[in-house]
Each structure stands twice: as structure tokens, then as C-alpha cells.
């Protein structure tokens, strides 16, 4: 079997759609390195689902704060969201995506790879919204809406497709042969 790092590098060099996975700059920026948390696989999946709810609540807090023109509170909510999001990505890509690519190859995990490619545009929209004070109200609202729609679609696809497939794969690998 080809090691995960080799498979990932090979698909990164050949498929433009996968370029967002290369280097994932926000996982190790600003002097902080987000390492994958070490916990039992199914527990990690449960934690990731809980984090989706936590991030959704922070996005709602941002929306409410901006609606009240309380940009300081909105910026603080985005900072909290950013830290959770970065750790979340580190875990998803190093454990969930890794398992799926090692098991099914890049072709068999193509749909899941596409879901994880949404991490970069999500983070870019978060950065745009973080520039709250400098955005005209209509642009701010538009970017908040885009962020929320993309986030909701992304988490739905993870929770309904990616996570169940990964857990099933994990369980089959753990099951005794017989």
C-alpha cells in the first residue's frame, strides 16, 4: 500500500481542485501549530459533531453582534471560532481524511476530499468577515450569509456522508477477521 503522504502529494501535484490541501497555512500560522488530538476514533467524530454546533452558535453570535453594530463582540466571537476551526481542520484532515484515502484511495475518497476542500473558502470568508469595520454593511451581510450557507452545507455533508463513511470504515478495520 502506498503511504498516505505519498498519495496526498501525488494527488496535490496532479489535480488543481486539491491544491487547497497543500500546506494548509492556517494550521500552523501565527506561531501556533495545531496537532491532531489523540483520542479514540469514534469519540473524535462525536467531538467534531459537537464542535459543528459550537461553531454554528459562534456564527450566530457574530451575526447578532454585527446587527447591533457591536463589532468588538463580533471580532471576539470570530477569534474563538477561528481557534476551534483550526483545531477541527487538523483533526478532520489528519484522521478522517487520512483513513478514507488510505482505505479507498484518492478516487474512492474523491467526494470526501471535495468536502474537505471547503475548509479553505470557509476560512477565507471568516477572514473577510473579521475585517468587519472596514466593510460596507451590504458587503458584510452578503459575506456573513455566504459564510453561513457554506458552513451549513459543509457540516451537513460531513455529518451525513463523510463521518458515517469514516466510522463504518474504522469499524470494519477493527472487526476481527473470521
N, C-alpha and C. Protein backbone atom coordinates (compact mmCIF):
# COMPACT_ATOMS: atom_id res chain seq x y z
N UNK A 1 0.85 -1.19 0.00
CA UNK A 1 0.00 0.00 0.00
C UNK A 1 0.89 1.25 0.00
N UNK A 2 0.49 2.22 -0.77
CA UNK A 2 1.24 3.48 -0.86
C UNK A 2 0.95 4.32 0.38
N UNK A 3 1.99 4.84 1.06
CA UNK A 3 1.76 5.65 2.26
C UNK A 3 0.89 6.88 1.97
N UNK A 4 0.14 7.29 2.99
CA UNK A 4 -0.78 8.42 2.86
C UNK A 4 -0.08 9.66 2.34
N UNK A 5 1.08 10.00 2.89
CA UNK A 5 1.79 11.22 2.49
C UNK A 5 2.10 11.19 1.00
N UNK A 6 2.47 10.04 0.47
CA UNK A 6 2.79 9.91 -0.95
C UNK A 6 1.52 10.06 -1.78
N UNK A 7 0.42 9.41 -1.35
CA UNK A 7 -0.84 9.54 -2.07
C UNK A 7 -1.31 10.98 -2.11
N UNK A 8 -1.24 11.65 -0.95
CA UNK A 8 -1.71 13.03 -0.88
C UNK A 8 -0.85 13.93 -1.76
N UNK A 9 0.48 13.77 -1.69
CA UNK A 9 1.38 14.59 -2.51
C UNK A 9 1.12 14.34 -3.98
N UNK A 10 0.90 13.08 -4.34
CA UNK A 10 0.66 12.76 -5.74
C UNK A 10 -0.64 13.39 -6.24
N UNK A 11 -1.69 13.36 -5.45
CA UNK A 11 -2.93 13.97 -5.92
C UNK A 11 -2.84 15.49 -5.87
N UNK A 12 -2.04 16.05 -4.98
CA UNK A 12 -1.88 17.50 -4.92
C UNK A 12 -1.16 18.02 -6.15
N UNK A 13 -0.17 17.27 -6.62
CA UNK A 13 0.59 17.76 -7.76
C UNK A 13 -0.17 17.61 -9.06
N UNK A 14 -1.17 16.73 -9.11
CA UNK A 14 -1.85 16.50 -10.37
C UNK A 14 -3.24 17.07 -10.49
N UNK A 15 -3.89 17.43 -9.42
CA UNK A 15 -5.29 17.86 -9.50
C UNK A 15 -5.47 19.24 -8.92
N UNK A 16 -5.74 20.24 -9.77
CA UNK A 16 -5.88 21.60 -9.27
C UNK A 16 -6.92 21.74 -8.17
N UNK A 17 -7.96 20.92 -8.18
CA UNK A 17 -9.00 21.02 -7.16
C UNK A 17 -8.47 20.68 -5.78
N UNK A 18 -7.35 19.98 -5.71
CA UNK A 18 -6.80 19.58 -4.41
C UNK A 18 -5.74 20.54 -3.89
N UNK A 19 -5.44 21.58 -4.63
CA UNK A 19 -4.37 22.49 -4.21
C UNK A 19 -4.63 23.12 -2.85
N UNK A 20 -5.88 23.28 -2.46
CA UNK A 20 -6.17 23.91 -1.17
C UNK A 20 -5.70 23.07 0.00
N UNK A 21 -5.42 21.80 -0.22
CA UNK A 21 -4.93 20.96 0.88
C UNK A 21 -3.43 21.17 1.13
N UNK A 22 -2.71 21.68 0.13
CA UNK A 22 -1.26 21.81 0.27
C UNK A 22 -0.92 22.87 1.30
N UNK A 23 -0.16 22.47 2.32
CA UNK A 23 0.37 23.43 3.29
C UNK A 23 -0.62 23.98 4.28
N UNK A 24 -1.88 23.89 4.04
CA UNK A 24 -2.95 24.45 4.87
C UNK A 24 -2.39 25.50 5.83
N UNK A 25 -2.13 26.72 5.34
CA UNK A 25 -1.38 27.71 6.12
C UNK A 25 -1.98 28.06 7.48
N UNK A 26 -3.31 27.98 7.61
CA UNK A 26 -3.87 28.38 8.89
C UNK A 26 -3.70 27.33 9.97
N UNK A 27 -3.19 26.16 9.65
CA UNK A 27 -2.95 25.15 10.68
C UNK A 27 -1.66 25.40 11.44
N UNK A 28 -0.80 26.23 10.89
CA UNK A 28 0.47 26.47 11.57
C UNK A 28 0.91 27.91 11.41
N UNK A 29 -0.03 28.82 11.43
CA UNK A 29 0.29 30.24 11.31
C UNK A 29 0.38 30.90 12.66
N UNK A 30 0.89 32.09 12.69
CA UNK A 30 0.98 32.92 13.89
C UNK A 30 1.66 32.20 15.05
N UNK A 31 2.65 31.36 14.73
CA UNK A 31 3.41 30.70 15.78
C UNK A 31 2.66 29.59 16.50
N UNK A 32 1.50 29.19 15.99
CA UNK A 32 0.72 28.14 16.64
C UNK A 32 0.62 26.96 15.69
N UNK A 33 0.92 25.78 16.20
CA UNK A 33 0.80 24.56 15.42
C UNK A 33 -0.37 23.76 15.99
N UNK A 34 -1.33 23.45 15.15
CA UNK A 34 -2.48 22.66 15.59
C UNK A 34 -2.22 21.20 15.26
N UNK A 35 -1.97 20.41 16.28
CA UNK A 35 -1.73 18.99 16.12
C UNK A 35 -3.03 18.24 16.32
N UNK A 36 -3.15 17.14 15.63
CA UNK A 36 -4.35 16.33 15.77
C UNK A 36 -4.47 15.80 17.20
N UNK A 37 -5.68 15.89 17.74
CA UNK A 37 -5.92 15.39 19.10
C UNK A 37 -5.89 13.87 19.07
N UNK A 38 -5.33 13.30 20.10
CA UNK A 38 -5.24 11.85 20.20
C UNK A 38 -6.39 11.36 21.08
N UNK A 39 -7.36 10.74 20.42
CA UNK A 39 -8.47 10.12 21.14
C UNK A 39 -9.00 9.01 20.27
N UNK A 40 -9.81 8.16 20.86
CA UNK A 40 -10.41 7.06 20.13
C UNK A 40 -11.20 7.64 18.95
N UNK A 41 -11.15 6.96 17.82
CA UNK A 41 -11.68 7.49 16.56
C UNK A 41 -13.16 7.88 16.66
N UNK A 42 -13.99 7.01 17.18
CA UNK A 42 -15.42 7.31 17.25
C UNK A 42 -15.70 8.46 18.22
N UNK A 43 -14.90 8.57 19.26
CA UNK A 43 -15.03 9.71 20.19
C UNK A 43 -14.66 11.00 19.46
N UNK A 44 -13.61 10.95 18.64
CA UNK A 44 -13.22 12.13 17.85
C UNK A 44 -14.38 12.58 16.95
N UNK A 45 -15.03 11.65 16.29
CA UNK A 45 -16.15 12.00 15.42
C UNK A 45 -17.25 12.68 16.23
N UNK A 46 -17.55 12.15 17.43
CA UNK A 46 -18.57 12.78 18.28
C UNK A 46 -18.15 14.20 18.67
N UNK A 47 -16.87 14.39 18.98
CA UNK A 47 -16.36 15.72 19.33
C UNK A 47 -16.49 16.67 18.14
N UNK A 48 -16.18 16.19 16.95
CA UNK A 48 -16.28 17.04 15.75
C UNK A 48 -17.72 17.48 15.50
N UNK A 49 -18.68 16.60 15.74
CA UNK A 49 -20.09 16.97 15.56
C UNK A 49 -20.49 18.03 16.59
N UNK A 50 -20.04 17.87 17.84
CA UNK A 50 -20.32 18.87 18.88
C UNK A 50 -19.69 20.21 18.49
N UNK A 51 -18.49 20.16 17.94
CA UNK A 51 -17.83 21.40 17.51
C UNK A 51 -18.59 22.09 16.39
N UNK A 52 -19.22 21.32 15.51
CA UNK A 52 -20.05 21.94 14.47
C UNK A 52 -21.13 22.81 15.13
N UNK A 53 -21.77 22.29 16.16
CA UNK A 53 -22.81 23.05 16.87
C UNK A 53 -22.21 24.28 17.54
N UNK A 54 -21.04 24.12 18.13
CA UNK A 54 -20.37 25.25 18.79
C UNK A 54 -20.00 26.34 17.78
N UNK A 55 -19.48 25.93 16.62
CA UNK A 55 -19.12 26.91 15.60
C UNK A 55 -20.36 27.59 15.02
N UNK A 56 -21.43 26.82 14.86
CA UNK A 56 -22.69 27.39 14.37
C UNK A 56 -23.19 28.46 15.34
N UNK A 57 -23.09 28.19 16.65
CA UNK A 57 -23.51 29.17 17.66
C UNK A 57 -22.64 30.43 17.60
N UNK A 58 -21.34 30.28 17.40
CA UNK A 58 -20.46 31.44 17.29
C UNK A 58 -20.80 32.26 16.05
N UNK A 59 -21.13 31.59 14.94
CA UNK A 59 -21.53 32.32 13.73
C UNK A 59 -22.81 33.11 13.98
N UNK A 60 -23.72 32.54 14.75
CA UNK A 60 -24.97 33.25 15.09
C UNK A 60 -24.65 34.45 15.98
N UNK A 61 -23.70 34.27 16.89
CA UNK A 61 -23.26 35.37 17.76
C UNK A 61 -22.65 36.50 16.92
N UNK A 62 -21.86 36.14 15.94
CA UNK A 62 -21.27 37.15 15.04
C UNK A 62 -22.38 37.91 14.32
N UNK A 63 -23.33 37.18 13.77
CA UNK A 63 -24.43 37.81 13.03
C UNK A 63 -25.21 38.77 13.93
N UNK A 64 -25.55 38.32 15.13
CA UNK A 64 -26.30 39.17 16.06
C UNK A 64 -25.49 40.41 16.46
N UNK A 65 -24.20 40.22 16.73
CA UNK A 65 -23.35 41.33 17.15
C UNK A 65 -23.21 42.37 16.04
N UNK A 66 -23.03 41.90 14.82
CA UNK A 66 -22.91 42.82 13.69
C UNK A 66 -24.23 43.57 13.50
N UNK A 67 -25.35 42.87 13.67
CA UNK A 67 -26.66 43.51 13.55
C UNK A 67 -26.84 44.64 14.56
N UNK A 68 -26.18 44.52 15.70
CA UNK A 68 -26.23 45.57 16.74
C UNK A 68 -25.08 46.56 16.58
N UNK A 69 -24.27 46.40 15.54
CA UNK A 69 -23.08 47.22 15.29
C UNK A 69 -22.08 47.11 16.44
N UNK A 70 -22.07 45.95 17.09
CA UNK A 70 -21.13 45.66 18.17
C UNK A 70 -19.98 44.85 17.56
N UNK A 71 -19.10 45.55 16.85
CA UNK A 71 -18.04 44.88 16.11
C UNK A 71 -16.98 44.25 17.01
N UNK A 72 -16.79 44.79 18.19
CA UNK A 72 -15.82 44.20 19.12
C UNK A 72 -16.27 42.80 19.54
N UNK A 73 -17.53 42.65 19.91
CA UNK A 73 -18.05 41.34 20.30
C UNK A 73 -18.00 40.38 19.12
N UNK A 74 -18.33 40.87 17.93
CA UNK A 74 -18.28 40.03 16.73
C UNK A 74 -16.85 39.56 16.46
N UNK A 75 -15.90 40.47 16.59
CA UNK A 75 -14.50 40.10 16.35
C UNK A 75 -14.02 39.07 17.38
N UNK A 76 -14.44 39.22 18.63
CA UNK A 76 -14.06 38.25 19.67
C UNK A 76 -14.67 36.88 19.37
N UNK A 77 -15.92 36.86 18.90
CA UNK A 77 -16.55 35.59 18.55
C UNK A 77 -15.81 34.93 17.38
N UNK A 78 -15.38 35.72 16.42
CA UNK A 78 -14.62 35.18 15.29
C UNK A 78 -13.27 34.63 15.74
N UNK A 79 -12.65 35.27 16.70
CA UNK A 79 -11.36 34.75 17.23
C UNK A 79 -11.58 33.39 17.89
N UNK A 80 -12.65 33.28 18.69
CA UNK A 80 -12.96 31.99 19.33
C UNK A 80 -13.26 30.93 18.26
N UNK A 81 -14.02 31.32 17.26
CA UNK A 81 -14.38 30.42 16.17
C UNK A 81 -13.14 29.98 15.41
N UNK A 82 -12.23 30.90 15.17
CA UNK A 82 -11.01 30.61 14.41
C UNK A 82 -10.19 29.51 15.08
N UNK A 83 -10.02 29.60 16.40
CA UNK A 83 -9.22 28.60 17.11
C UNK A 83 -9.88 27.22 17.05
N UNK A 84 -11.18 27.17 17.23
CA UNK A 84 -11.90 25.89 17.16
C UNK A 84 -11.81 25.34 15.74
N UNK A 85 -12.00 26.21 14.76
CA UNK A 85 -12.00 25.81 13.35
C UNK A 85 -10.64 25.22 12.96
N UNK A 86 -9.56 25.84 13.37
CA UNK A 86 -8.22 25.36 13.01
C UNK A 86 -7.94 23.99 13.62
N UNK A 87 -8.28 23.81 14.88
CA UNK A 87 -8.08 22.51 15.51
C UNK A 87 -8.96 21.46 14.84
N UNK A 88 -10.17 21.85 14.53
CA UNK A 88 -11.14 20.98 13.88
C UNK A 88 -10.59 20.48 12.53
N UNK A 89 -10.04 21.40 11.75
CA UNK A 89 -9.47 21.04 10.45
C UNK A 89 -8.29 20.08 10.63
N UNK A 90 -7.43 20.37 11.59
CA UNK A 90 -6.27 19.50 11.84
C UNK A 90 -6.74 18.07 12.11
N UNK A 91 -7.77 17.92 12.92
CA UNK A 91 -8.28 16.59 13.25
C UNK A 91 -8.95 15.92 12.05
N UNK A 92 -9.79 16.66 11.36
CA UNK A 92 -10.50 16.07 10.22
C UNK A 92 -9.55 15.62 9.12
N UNK A 93 -8.60 16.47 8.78
CA UNK A 93 -7.73 16.14 7.66
C UNK A 93 -6.69 15.09 8.02
N UNK A 94 -6.20 15.10 9.26
CA UNK A 94 -5.15 14.14 9.61
C UNK A 94 -5.71 12.79 10.03
N UNK A 95 -6.97 12.73 10.44
CA UNK A 95 -7.51 11.44 10.88
C UNK A 95 -8.64 10.93 9.99
N UNK A 96 -9.67 11.75 9.77
CA UNK A 96 -10.81 11.31 8.97
C UNK A 96 -10.40 11.14 7.51
N UNK A 97 -9.86 12.19 6.91
CA UNK A 97 -9.47 12.14 5.51
C UNK A 97 -8.36 11.10 5.29
N UNK A 98 -7.43 11.05 6.21
CA UNK A 98 -6.34 10.09 6.09
C UNK A 98 -6.88 8.66 6.03
N UNK A 99 -7.77 8.31 6.93
CA UNK A 99 -8.36 6.97 6.94
C UNK A 99 -9.06 6.67 5.62
N UNK A 100 -9.84 7.62 5.14
CA UNK A 100 -10.58 7.40 3.90
C UNK A 100 -9.66 7.25 2.69
N UNK A 101 -8.62 8.06 2.60
CA UNK A 101 -7.69 7.96 1.47
C UNK A 101 -6.87 6.67 1.57
N UNK A 102 -6.43 6.33 2.77
CA UNK A 102 -5.66 5.09 2.92
C UNK A 102 -6.52 3.86 2.58
N UNK A 103 -7.80 3.92 2.88
CA UNK A 103 -8.68 2.79 2.64
C UNK A 103 -9.18 2.73 1.20
N UNK A 104 -9.63 3.86 0.67
CA UNK A 104 -10.29 3.87 -0.63
C UNK A 104 -9.44 4.48 -1.75
N UNK A 105 -8.31 5.08 -1.41
CA UNK A 105 -7.50 5.78 -2.40
C UNK A 105 -8.13 7.13 -2.72
N UNK A 106 -7.44 7.95 -3.47
CA UNK A 106 -7.95 9.29 -3.76
C UNK A 106 -9.20 9.24 -4.64
N UNK A 107 -9.30 8.25 -5.51
CA UNK A 107 -10.51 8.14 -6.35
C UNK A 107 -11.71 7.72 -5.51
N UNK A 108 -11.52 6.74 -4.64
CA UNK A 108 -12.62 6.26 -3.81
C UNK A 108 -13.06 7.27 -2.76
N UNK A 109 -12.17 8.19 -2.41
CA UNK A 109 -12.49 9.22 -1.41
C UNK A 109 -12.66 10.59 -2.06
N UNK A 110 -12.90 10.62 -3.36
CA UNK A 110 -12.96 11.89 -4.09
C UNK A 110 -14.04 12.83 -3.54
N UNK A 111 -15.20 12.30 -3.22
CA UNK A 111 -16.28 13.15 -2.71
C UNK A 111 -15.91 13.74 -1.35
N UNK A 112 -15.30 12.93 -0.50
CA UNK A 112 -14.89 13.41 0.82
C UNK A 112 -13.78 14.46 0.69
N UNK A 113 -12.87 14.26 -0.25
CA UNK A 113 -11.81 15.25 -0.50
C UNK A 113 -12.46 16.58 -0.90
N UNK A 114 -13.49 16.52 -1.75
CA UNK A 114 -14.17 17.75 -2.17
C UNK A 114 -14.81 18.46 -0.96
N UNK A 115 -15.37 17.69 -0.05
CA UNK A 115 -15.98 18.28 1.15
C UNK A 115 -14.90 19.00 1.96
N UNK A 116 -13.76 18.35 2.15
CA UNK A 116 -12.70 18.96 2.94
C UNK A 116 -12.04 20.14 2.23
N UNK A 117 -12.16 20.22 0.92
CA UNK A 117 -11.65 21.37 0.20
C UNK A 117 -12.43 22.64 0.54
N UNK A 118 -13.59 22.50 1.13
CA UNK A 118 -14.36 23.67 1.55
C UNK A 118 -13.74 24.36 2.76
N UNK A 119 -12.81 23.73 3.43
CA UNK A 119 -12.18 24.36 4.60
C UNK A 119 -11.53 25.69 4.23
N UNK A 120 -10.83 25.73 3.13
CA UNK A 120 -10.13 26.96 2.76
C UNK A 120 -11.09 28.11 2.46
N UNK A 121 -12.12 27.92 1.60
CA UNK A 121 -13.03 29.04 1.37
C UNK A 121 -13.78 29.45 2.64
N UNK A 122 -14.08 28.51 3.50
CA UNK A 122 -14.72 28.86 4.78
C UNK A 122 -13.81 29.78 5.58
N UNK A 123 -12.55 29.40 5.66
CA UNK A 123 -11.60 30.22 6.43
C UNK A 123 -11.41 31.59 5.77
N UNK A 124 -11.37 31.64 4.45
CA UNK A 124 -11.22 32.92 3.76
C UNK A 124 -12.42 33.83 4.03
N UNK A 125 -13.62 33.28 4.03
CA UNK A 125 -14.80 34.08 4.35
C UNK A 125 -14.76 34.56 5.79
N UNK A 126 -14.26 33.72 6.70
CA UNK A 126 -14.13 34.15 8.10
C UNK A 126 -13.19 35.34 8.19
N UNK A 127 -12.10 35.30 7.44
CA UNK A 127 -11.15 36.42 7.46
C UNK A 127 -11.78 37.69 6.90
N UNK A 128 -12.59 37.56 5.86
CA UNK A 128 -13.27 38.74 5.28
C UNK A 128 -14.21 39.34 6.31
N UNK A 129 -15.00 38.49 6.94
CA UNK A 129 -15.97 38.97 7.93
C UNK A 129 -15.25 39.56 9.13
N UNK A 130 -14.04 39.04 9.43
CA UNK A 130 -13.27 39.58 10.56
C UNK A 130 -12.87 41.03 10.32
N UNK A 131 -12.78 41.45 9.07
CA UNK A 131 -12.49 42.84 8.74
C UNK A 131 -13.74 43.70 8.83
N UNK A 132 -14.58 43.39 9.78
CA UNK A 132 -15.91 43.99 9.96
C UNK A 132 -15.98 45.50 9.77
N UNK A 133 -15.18 46.22 10.48
CA UNK A 133 -15.30 47.68 10.50
C UNK A 133 -15.03 48.29 9.13
N UNK A 134 -14.24 47.61 8.32
CA UNK A 134 -13.88 48.20 7.03
C UNK A 134 -14.86 47.83 5.91
N UNK A 135 -15.81 46.96 6.17
CA UNK A 135 -16.74 46.53 5.13
C UNK A 135 -18.00 47.38 5.12
N UNK A 136 -18.50 47.72 3.94
CA UNK A 136 -19.81 48.37 3.88
C UNK A 136 -20.87 47.38 4.39
N UNK A 137 -21.93 47.86 5.02
CA UNK A 137 -22.94 46.96 5.60
C UNK A 137 -23.49 45.91 4.63
N UNK A 138 -23.73 46.28 3.38
CA UNK A 138 -24.29 45.31 2.43
C UNK A 138 -23.28 44.19 2.13
N UNK A 139 -22.01 44.55 2.01
CA UNK A 139 -20.98 43.55 1.74
C UNK A 139 -20.78 42.65 2.95
N UNK A 140 -20.80 43.24 4.13
CA UNK A 140 -20.66 42.46 5.35
C UNK A 140 -21.78 41.44 5.46
N UNK A 141 -23.02 41.89 5.23
CA UNK A 141 -24.17 40.98 5.32
C UNK A 141 -24.06 39.88 4.27
N UNK A 142 -23.65 40.24 3.06
CA UNK A 142 -23.51 39.27 1.98
C UNK A 142 -22.46 38.21 2.35
N UNK A 143 -21.31 38.64 2.88
CA UNK A 143 -20.26 37.70 3.25
C UNK A 143 -20.68 36.83 4.43
N UNK A 144 -21.40 37.41 5.39
CA UNK A 144 -21.90 36.62 6.51
C UNK A 144 -22.84 35.53 6.01
N UNK A 145 -23.72 35.91 5.08
CA UNK A 145 -24.67 34.95 4.53
C UNK A 145 -23.94 33.85 3.78
N UNK A 146 -22.96 34.21 2.95
CA UNK A 146 -22.17 33.21 2.22
C UNK A 146 -21.48 32.27 3.20
N UNK A 147 -20.88 32.83 4.25
CA UNK A 147 -20.18 32.03 5.25
C UNK A 147 -21.14 31.04 5.90
N UNK A 148 -22.30 31.52 6.29
CA UNK A 148 -23.27 30.65 6.98
C UNK A 148 -23.79 29.56 6.04
N UNK A 149 -24.10 29.91 4.80
CA UNK A 149 -24.61 28.91 3.85
C UNK A 149 -23.54 27.86 3.57
N UNK A 150 -22.31 28.28 3.31
CA UNK A 150 -21.22 27.34 3.05
C UNK A 150 -20.96 26.47 4.27
N UNK A 151 -20.94 27.09 5.45
CA UNK A 151 -20.71 26.32 6.68
C UNK A 151 -21.80 25.28 6.89
N UNK A 152 -23.06 25.68 6.74
CA UNK A 152 -24.18 24.74 6.95
C UNK A 152 -24.13 23.59 5.96
N UNK A 153 -23.85 23.89 4.69
CA UNK A 153 -23.75 22.84 3.68
C UNK A 153 -22.57 21.92 3.98
N UNK A 154 -21.46 22.50 4.34
CA UNK A 154 -20.25 21.73 4.65
C UNK A 154 -20.49 20.78 5.83
N UNK A 155 -21.04 21.29 6.91
CA UNK A 155 -21.24 20.44 8.10
C UNK A 155 -22.30 19.37 7.82
N UNK A 156 -23.32 19.71 7.04
CA UNK A 156 -24.33 18.70 6.69
C UNK A 156 -23.68 17.55 5.92
N UNK A 157 -22.84 17.89 4.94
CA UNK A 157 -22.18 16.85 4.14
C UNK A 157 -21.23 16.01 4.99
N UNK A 158 -20.56 16.64 5.94
CA UNK A 158 -19.68 15.87 6.82
C UNK A 158 -20.50 14.93 7.72
N UNK A 159 -21.53 15.46 8.35
CA UNK A 159 -22.30 14.68 9.32
C UNK A 159 -23.14 13.59 8.66
N UNK A 160 -23.64 13.84 7.45
CA UNK A 160 -24.49 12.86 6.78
C UNK A 160 -23.72 11.90 5.88
N UNK A 161 -22.55 12.30 5.41
CA UNK A 161 -21.81 11.46 4.47
C UNK A 161 -20.43 11.06 4.92
N UNK A 162 -19.58 12.05 5.15
CA UNK A 162 -18.17 11.76 5.44
C UNK A 162 -18.00 11.01 6.75
N UNK A 163 -18.56 11.52 7.83
CA UNK A 163 -18.36 10.90 9.14
C UNK A 163 -18.92 9.48 9.20
N UNK A 164 -20.16 9.23 8.73
CA UNK A 164 -20.65 7.85 8.76
C UNK A 164 -19.78 6.90 7.94
N UNK A 165 -19.31 7.36 6.78
CA UNK A 165 -18.44 6.51 5.95
C UNK A 165 -17.14 6.22 6.68
N UNK A 166 -16.56 7.23 7.33
CA UNK A 166 -15.30 7.04 8.05
C UNK A 166 -15.49 6.10 9.24
N UNK A 167 -16.57 6.25 9.98
CA UNK A 167 -16.82 5.38 11.14
C UNK A 167 -17.04 3.95 10.67
N UNK A 168 -17.79 3.77 9.60
CA UNK A 168 -18.01 2.43 9.05
C UNK A 168 -16.67 1.81 8.64
N UNK A 169 -15.85 2.58 7.98
CA UNK A 169 -14.53 2.12 7.56
C UNK A 169 -13.69 1.73 8.77
N UNK A 170 -13.69 2.58 9.78
CA UNK A 170 -12.93 2.33 11.01
C UNK A 170 -13.41 1.03 11.68
N UNK A 171 -14.71 0.85 11.79
CA UNK A 171 -15.27 -0.35 12.43
C UNK A 171 -14.91 -1.61 11.64
N UNK A 172 -14.97 -1.53 10.31
CA UNK A 172 -14.62 -2.70 9.51
C UNK A 172 -13.15 -3.06 9.68
N UNK A 173 -12.28 -2.05 9.82
CA UNK A 173 -10.85 -2.32 10.02
C UNK A 173 -10.59 -2.93 11.38
N UNK A 174 -11.39 -2.55 12.38
CA UNK A 174 -11.21 -3.07 13.73
C UNK A 174 -11.85 -4.45 13.93
N UNK A 175 -12.83 -4.80 13.09
CA UNK A 175 -13.54 -6.05 13.25
C UNK A 175 -12.59 -7.23 13.04
N UNK A 176 -12.73 -8.23 13.91
CA UNK A 176 -11.85 -9.42 13.75
C UNK A 176 -12.18 -10.15 12.45
N UNK A 177 -11.15 -10.59 11.79
CA UNK A 177 -11.33 -11.35 10.55
C UNK A 177 -11.81 -12.74 10.93
N UNK A 178 -12.74 -13.25 10.15
CA UNK A 178 -13.19 -14.60 10.51
C UNK A 178 -14.24 -15.14 9.66
